[in-house]
Amino acid sequence: MSEGQEPTAAAVPVDAAPAPRALAAMLASQQRAAAAVAAALPAIEAAARAVAASLGAGGTLLYAAAGSSGLMALSDACELPGTFGVDPRRVRIAMAGGIPRDARMPGATEDAEADGAAAAAGLGRGDTAIVLSASGTTPYALAAARAAAAAGATVVAIANVPAAPLLDLAAIAVAIPTGPEVVEGSTRLGAGTAQKIALNMISTLAGCLMGHVHDGMMVNLVADNAKLRARAHDVVARIAGVDAARAAAALAAAEGDTKRAVLIAAGATPAAARALLAARGPRLADCLAALRATPIEDHQTGRPA
């Protein structure tokens, strides 16, 4: 799906090459796109800190984009609640033309500047908007970035063309120059890969900064299916150093809350676990350290350390 990226002649037209050579060219293009993200690591860190600050303070995170960039944004946004327990009401997804209900994704909607500006309605200071456009010139994305910045939100822009206009509108500019695509103008390829990587890194580091990852494990996951319930049991057992039965009992006492269950399995009462998270949270390591330093009788009274 094109977003207005300038066409560039491909060195080896994939349609004219034998299938093995075409596939090798596609793979090489994806690898170059992934490698291009490395230069943007400082900006990606800054973006993650902005996201963590907004969500940690009860603010809003907006994703806004058109076309293929919108699909990358949609994918990342929808993973936040399940992976990190982020309140879905704090995450907004604005895609030009709306989220597709089938395989049709009209291209004309990326020119809808009024819709882009409307996507930022309700944002204010303390909120963050991640706005994406492969070319950095998409009217919908530019309008969304301008409106979000005018409202006082922190704007993170991700574009795949250096010095793109979108980057100039952002407080945090994530430039990932991916170069020519193997199919000219199809920004779902290298550009889309680089955007997805950057978004994954931003949201994952933000999850770590918010205390939702402990020892490489998701400790704020929403366990709403059999696989994730099994994972929650494993997380509690591993962190607290208890057997499966005690982990299950702790999760039941914590009403499925993994962080509270870890503390309960480690010796706290449900009331004490709540108090610890309220006083010391959101980092589970801090709560565990406080629990271990607290006299055992306090574990049973619910008094915070």
Protein backbone atom coordinates (compact mmCIF):
# COMPACT_ATOMS: atom_id res chain seq x y z
CA MET A 1 0.00 0.00 0.00
CA SER A 2 1.59 3.23 -1.12
CA GLU A 3 1.68 6.35 1.04
CA GLY A 4 3.23 8.61 -1.55
CA GLN A 5 6.78 7.28 -1.22
CA GLU A 6 8.95 8.30 -4.15
CA PRO A 7 9.45 5.41 -6.59
CA THR A 8 13.00 4.14 -6.99
CA ALA A 9 14.20 1.73 -9.63
CA ALA A 10 14.88 -1.70 -8.18
CA ALA A 11 18.31 -3.14 -8.87
CA VAL A 12 16.81 -6.55 -9.64
CA PRO A 13 13.10 -6.57 -10.60
CA VAL A 14 11.65 -9.38 -8.51
CA ASP A 15 9.02 -10.21 -11.12
CA ALA A 16 11.71 -10.89 -13.74
CA ALA A 17 13.95 -12.98 -11.49
CA PRO A 18 13.78 -16.72 -10.87
CA ALA A 19 11.82 -17.46 -7.69
CA PRO A 20 14.88 -18.30 -5.54
CA ARG A 21 16.61 -15.07 -6.58
CA ALA A 22 13.42 -13.04 -6.03
CA LEU A 23 12.98 -14.48 -2.56
CA ALA A 24 16.64 -13.81 -1.74
CA ALA A 25 16.19 -10.20 -2.81
CA MET A 26 13.07 -9.88 -0.65
CA LEU A 27 14.85 -11.34 2.36
CA ALA A 28 17.85 -9.06 1.87
CA SER A 29 15.52 -6.07 1.69
CA GLN A 30 13.88 -7.06 4.98
CA GLN A 31 17.25 -7.55 6.64
CA ARG A 32 18.41 -4.10 5.49
CA ALA A 33 15.19 -2.60 6.85
CA ALA A 34 15.72 -4.24 10.22
CA ALA A 35 19.32 -3.07 10.35
CA ALA A 36 18.24 0.51 9.61
CA VAL A 37 16.45 0.66 12.96
CA ALA A 38 19.76 0.64 14.84
CA ALA A 39 20.50 4.29 14.05
CA ALA A 40 17.19 5.30 15.66
CA LEU A 41 17.78 3.66 19.05
CA PRO A 42 18.21 6.95 21.00
CA ALA A 43 14.94 8.30 19.59
CA ILE A 44 13.21 4.97 20.23
CA GLU A 45 14.32 5.12 23.87
CA ALA A 46 12.99 8.67 24.18
CA ALA A 47 9.70 7.56 22.65
CA ALA A 48 9.40 4.65 25.08
CA ARG A 49 10.01 6.97 28.03
CA ALA A 50 7.29 9.32 26.78
CA VAL A 51 4.83 6.44 26.40
CA ALA A 52 5.66 5.08 29.85
CA ALA A 53 5.27 8.52 31.41
CA SER A 54 1.87 9.05 29.80
CA LEU A 55 0.42 5.63 30.58
CA GLY A 56 1.99 5.51 34.02
CA ALA A 57 0.29 8.77 34.95
CA GLY A 58 -3.11 7.73 33.59
CA GLY A 59 -2.72 9.62 30.32
CA THR A 60 -3.66 8.61 26.79
CA LEU A 61 -1.56 6.99 24.08
CA LEU A 62 -2.76 7.67 20.53
CA TYR A 63 -1.56 5.82 17.46
CA ALA A 64 -2.37 7.63 14.18
CA ALA A 65 -1.48 6.56 10.64
CA ALA A 66 -2.79 5.64 7.22
CA GLY A 67 -2.46 2.58 5.02
CA SER A 68 0.21 0.04 5.85
CA SER A 69 1.55 2.26 8.62
CA GLY A 70 -1.90 2.17 10.17
CA LEU A 71 -1.84 -1.62 10.18
CA MET A 72 1.52 -1.61 11.95
CA ALA A 73 0.12 0.82 14.54
CA LEU A 74 -3.03 -1.26 14.99
CA SER A 75 -1.00 -4.39 15.64
CA ASP A 76 1.13 -2.75 18.32
CA ALA A 77 -1.74 -0.95 20.03
CA CYS A 78 -3.87 -4.08 20.31
CA GLU A 79 -1.07 -5.99 22.05
CA LEU A 80 -0.63 -3.53 24.92
CA PRO A 81 -3.56 -4.56 27.14
CA GLY A 82 -2.93 -8.31 26.96
CA THR A 83 0.86 -8.17 27.22
CA PHE A 84 1.31 -5.42 29.78
CA GLY A 85 -2.11 -5.04 31.35
CA VAL A 86 -2.49 -1.50 29.98
CA ASP A 87 -6.03 -0.20 30.39
CA PRO A 88 -7.47 -0.34 26.83
CA ARG A 89 -9.36 2.87 27.56
CA ARG A 90 -5.98 4.63 27.70
CA VAL A 91 -5.03 3.53 24.16
CA ARG A 92 -6.60 5.07 21.06
CA ILE A 93 -6.17 3.86 17.48
CA ALA A 94 -6.81 6.32 14.66
CA MET A 95 -6.47 4.88 11.17
CA ALA A 96 -7.36 6.84 8.07
CA GLY A 97 -10.71 5.56 6.86
CA GLY A 98 -11.21 3.54 10.03
CA ILE A 99 -10.07 0.04 10.93
CA PRO A 100 -10.84 -2.24 7.94
CA ARG A 101 -13.65 -4.75 8.40
CA ASP A 102 -12.50 -6.75 5.37
CA ALA A 103 -9.61 -6.67 2.90
CA ARG A 104 -10.57 -3.27 1.44
CA MET A 105 -8.35 -0.40 2.56
CA PRO A 106 -9.13 2.69 0.43
CA GLY A 107 -6.16 4.84 -0.45
CA ALA A 108 -8.01 8.15 -0.71
CA THR A 109 -8.55 8.37 3.05
CA GLU A 110 -4.87 9.14 3.62
CA ASP A 111 -5.51 12.57 2.08
CA ALA A 112 -8.25 13.39 4.62
CA GLU A 113 -6.57 16.14 6.63
CA ALA A 114 -9.72 16.97 8.58
CA ASP A 115 -9.96 13.38 9.77
CA GLY A 116 -6.31 13.43 10.78
CA ALA A 117 -6.84 16.56 12.86
CA ALA A 118 -9.97 15.06 14.43
CA ALA A 119 -7.98 11.98 15.48
CA ALA A 120 -6.15 14.11 18.04
CA ALA A 121 -9.32 15.48 19.62
CA GLY A 122 -9.27 15.29 23.39
CA LEU A 123 -5.51 14.99 23.71
CA GLY A 124 -3.67 17.29 26.08
CA ARG A 125 -0.55 17.70 28.14
CA GLY A 126 0.62 14.42 29.56
CA ASP A 127 -0.61 12.43 26.56
CA THR A 128 1.53 10.93 23.79
CA ALA A 129 0.72 10.52 20.09
CA ILE A 130 2.70 8.12 17.89
CA VAL A 131 2.18 9.18 14.28
CA LEU A 132 3.53 7.09 11.41
CA SER A 133 4.03 7.60 7.69
CA ALA A 134 6.56 5.81 5.49
CA SER A 135 7.06 8.83 3.25
CA GLY A 136 6.57 11.32 6.06
CA THR A 137 4.31 13.35 3.79
CA THR A 138 0.90 11.67 4.23
CA PRO A 139 -1.68 14.47 4.76
CA TYR A 140 -3.68 12.48 7.34
CA ALA A 141 -0.56 11.86 9.44
CA LEU A 142 0.70 15.43 9.14
CA ALA A 143 -2.66 16.81 10.27
CA ALA A 144 -2.81 14.41 13.21
CA ALA A 145 0.70 15.39 14.31
CA ARG A 146 -0.03 19.11 14.06
CA ALA A 147 -3.26 18.80 16.03
CA ALA A 148 -1.68 16.63 18.73
CA ALA A 149 1.23 19.02 19.15
CA ALA A 150 -1.11 22.01 19.29
CA ALA A 151 -3.07 20.27 22.06
CA GLY A 152 0.10 19.92 24.13
CA ALA A 153 0.63 16.18 23.64
CA THR A 154 4.09 14.73 23.06
CA VAL A 155 4.32 13.75 19.40
CA VAL A 156 6.46 10.80 18.36
CA ALA A 157 6.87 10.61 14.58
CA ILE A 158 8.11 7.55 12.71
CA ALA A 159 9.07 7.97 9.05
CA ASN A 160 11.25 6.09 6.58
CA VAL A 161 12.52 9.06 4.60
CA PRO A 162 15.20 11.34 6.10
CA ALA A 163 14.19 14.96 6.66
CA ALA A 164 10.52 14.10 6.05
CA PRO A 165 8.04 16.87 6.98
CA LEU A 166 6.40 14.63 9.58
CA LEU A 167 9.65 14.40 11.53
CA ASP A 168 9.81 18.19 11.76
CA LEU A 169 6.45 18.25 13.57
CA ALA A 170 7.52 15.87 16.33
CA ALA A 171 9.05 16.32 19.75
CA ILE A 172 10.66 12.91 19.20
CA ALA A 173 11.60 12.08 15.60
CA VAL A 174 12.26 8.43 14.79
CA ALA A 175 13.85 8.41 11.34
CA ILE A 176 14.40 4.97 9.83
CA PRO A 177 15.59 5.36 6.23
CA THR A 178 14.88 1.99 4.62
CA GLY A 179 15.64 2.91 1.03
CA PRO A 180 14.06 1.53 -2.14
CA GLU A 181 11.50 -1.26 -1.89
CA VAL A 182 11.75 -4.42 -3.99
CA VAL A 183 8.28 -3.48 -5.26
CA GLU A 184 8.30 0.27 -5.78
CA GLY A 185 6.01 2.18 -3.46
CA SER A 186 4.82 -0.86 -1.52
CA THR A 187 5.51 0.43 1.95
CA ARG A 188 4.16 -2.75 3.55
CA LEU A 189 7.55 -4.30 2.79
CA GLY A 190 10.84 -2.88 4.15
CA ALA A 191 9.29 0.28 5.56
CA GLY A 192 6.53 -1.68 7.25
CA THR A 193 9.02 -4.10 8.76
CA ALA A 194 11.14 -1.27 10.18
CA GLN A 195 8.06 0.47 11.60
CA LYS A 196 6.85 -2.74 13.25
CA ILE A 197 10.27 -3.31 14.83
CA ALA A 198 10.41 0.26 16.12
CA LEU A 199 6.90 0.06 17.55
CA ASN A 200 7.63 -3.28 19.22
CA MET A 201 10.73 -1.80 20.83
CA ILE A 202 8.95 1.36 21.99
CA SER A 203 6.06 -0.51 23.59
CA THR A 204 8.23 -3.24 25.11
CA LEU A 205 10.67 -0.80 26.69
CA ALA A 206 7.71 1.25 27.91
CA GLY A 207 6.32 -1.91 29.51
CA CYS A 208 9.65 -2.48 31.25
CA LEU A 209 9.79 1.13 32.45
CA MET A 210 6.27 0.83 33.87
CA GLY A 211 7.29 -2.25 35.88
CA HIS A 212 5.27 -4.71 33.85
CA VAL A 213 8.26 -6.96 33.08
CA HIS A 214 10.21 -8.79 35.80
CA ASP A 215 13.19 -11.02 35.07
CA GLY A 216 12.13 -11.11 31.43
CA MET A 217 8.58 -12.23 32.23
CA MET A 218 5.21 -10.54 31.71
CA VAL A 219 4.01 -9.90 35.25
CA ASN A 220 1.05 -7.71 34.34
CA LEU A 221 -0.40 -9.93 31.64
CA VAL A 222 -4.14 -10.40 31.29
CA ALA A 223 -4.62 -14.16 31.58
CA ASP A 224 -7.87 -14.51 29.66
CA ASN A 225 -7.27 -17.84 27.93
CA ALA A 226 -5.89 -21.26 28.82
CA LYS A 227 -2.42 -20.57 27.44
CA LEU A 228 -2.04 -17.31 29.35
CA ARG A 229 -3.47 -18.78 32.55
CA ALA A 230 -0.81 -21.48 32.35
CA ARG A 231 1.81 -18.79 31.75
CA ALA A 232 0.62 -16.83 34.78
CA HIS A 233 0.93 -19.96 36.94
CA ASP A 234 4.47 -20.49 35.63
CA VAL A 235 5.43 -16.85 36.24
CA VAL A 236 4.21 -16.95 39.86
CA ALA A 237 5.91 -20.28 40.55
CA ARG A 238 9.24 -19.18 39.06
CA ILE A 239 9.44 -15.76 40.68
CA ALA A 240 8.19 -16.81 44.11
CA GLY A 241 10.02 -20.14 44.02
CA VAL A 242 6.94 -22.19 44.85
CA ASP A 243 5.29 -25.31 43.46
CA ALA A 244 2.37 -25.34 41.03
CA ALA A 245 -0.26 -25.87 43.74
CA ARG A 246 0.89 -22.87 45.76
CA ALA A 247 1.09 -20.74 42.62
CA ALA A 248 -2.48 -21.69 41.72
CA ALA A 249 -3.71 -20.88 45.22
CA ALA A 250 -1.96 -17.53 45.15
CA LEU A 251 -3.50 -16.62 41.80
CA ALA A 252 -6.94 -17.56 43.10
CA ALA A 253 -6.42 -15.39 46.18
CA ALA A 254 -5.21 -12.55 43.95
CA GLU A 255 -8.22 -12.88 41.62
CA GLY A 256 -5.87 -13.57 38.73
CA ASP A 257 -3.61 -10.57 39.29
CA THR A 258 -0.12 -11.92 38.62
CA LYS A 259 1.86 -9.32 40.56
CA ARG A 260 -0.31 -9.71 43.65
CA ALA A 261 -0.15 -13.49 43.28
CA VAL A 262 3.66 -13.43 43.33
CA LEU A 263 3.62 -11.46 46.58
CA ILE A 264 1.02 -13.77 48.11
CA ALA A 265 3.03 -16.83 47.08
CA ALA A 266 6.09 -15.18 48.63
CA GLY A 267 4.33 -14.88 52.00
CA ALA A 268 2.07 -11.82 51.97
CA THR A 269 -1.64 -11.88 52.69
CA PRO A 270 -3.88 -10.59 49.90
CA ALA A 271 -4.33 -7.33 51.86
CA ALA A 272 -0.58 -6.97 52.39
CA ALA A 273 0.07 -7.64 48.70
CA ARG A 274 -2.35 -4.87 47.72
CA ALA A 275 -0.76 -2.50 50.23
CA LEU A 276 2.74 -3.25 49.00
CA LEU A 277 1.83 -2.60 45.38
CA ALA A 278 0.07 0.62 46.36
CA ALA A 279 3.04 1.81 48.40
CA ARG A 280 5.96 0.42 46.42
CA GLY A 281 4.61 -0.41 42.97
CA PRO A 282 4.63 -0.80 40.13
CA ARG A 283 7.99 -2.62 40.12
CA LEU A 284 7.59 -6.11 41.50
CA ALA A 285 11.29 -6.25 42.46
CA ASP A 286 10.81 -3.31 44.84
CA CYS A 287 7.76 -4.96 46.39
CA LEU A 288 9.57 -8.26 46.86
CA ALA A 289 12.54 -6.52 48.46
CA ALA A 290 10.22 -4.68 50.85
CA LEU A 291 8.36 -7.91 51.63
CA ARG A 292 11.55 -9.73 52.50
CA ALA A 293 12.61 -6.86 54.77
CA THR A 294 9.27 -6.79 56.62
CA PRO A 295 8.67 -8.76 59.85
CA ILE A 296 6.50 -11.79 59.20
CA GLU A 297 3.70 -10.48 61.39
CA ASP A 298 3.33 -7.46 59.11
CA HIS A 299 2.80 -9.77 56.16
CA GLN A 300 -0.34 -10.96 57.87
CA THR A 301 -1.73 -7.57 58.88
CA GLY A 302 -1.63 -5.95 55.48
CA ARG A 303 0.56 -3.08 56.71
CA PRO A 304 2.84 -1.75 53.93
CA ALA A 305 6.57 -1.95 54.47
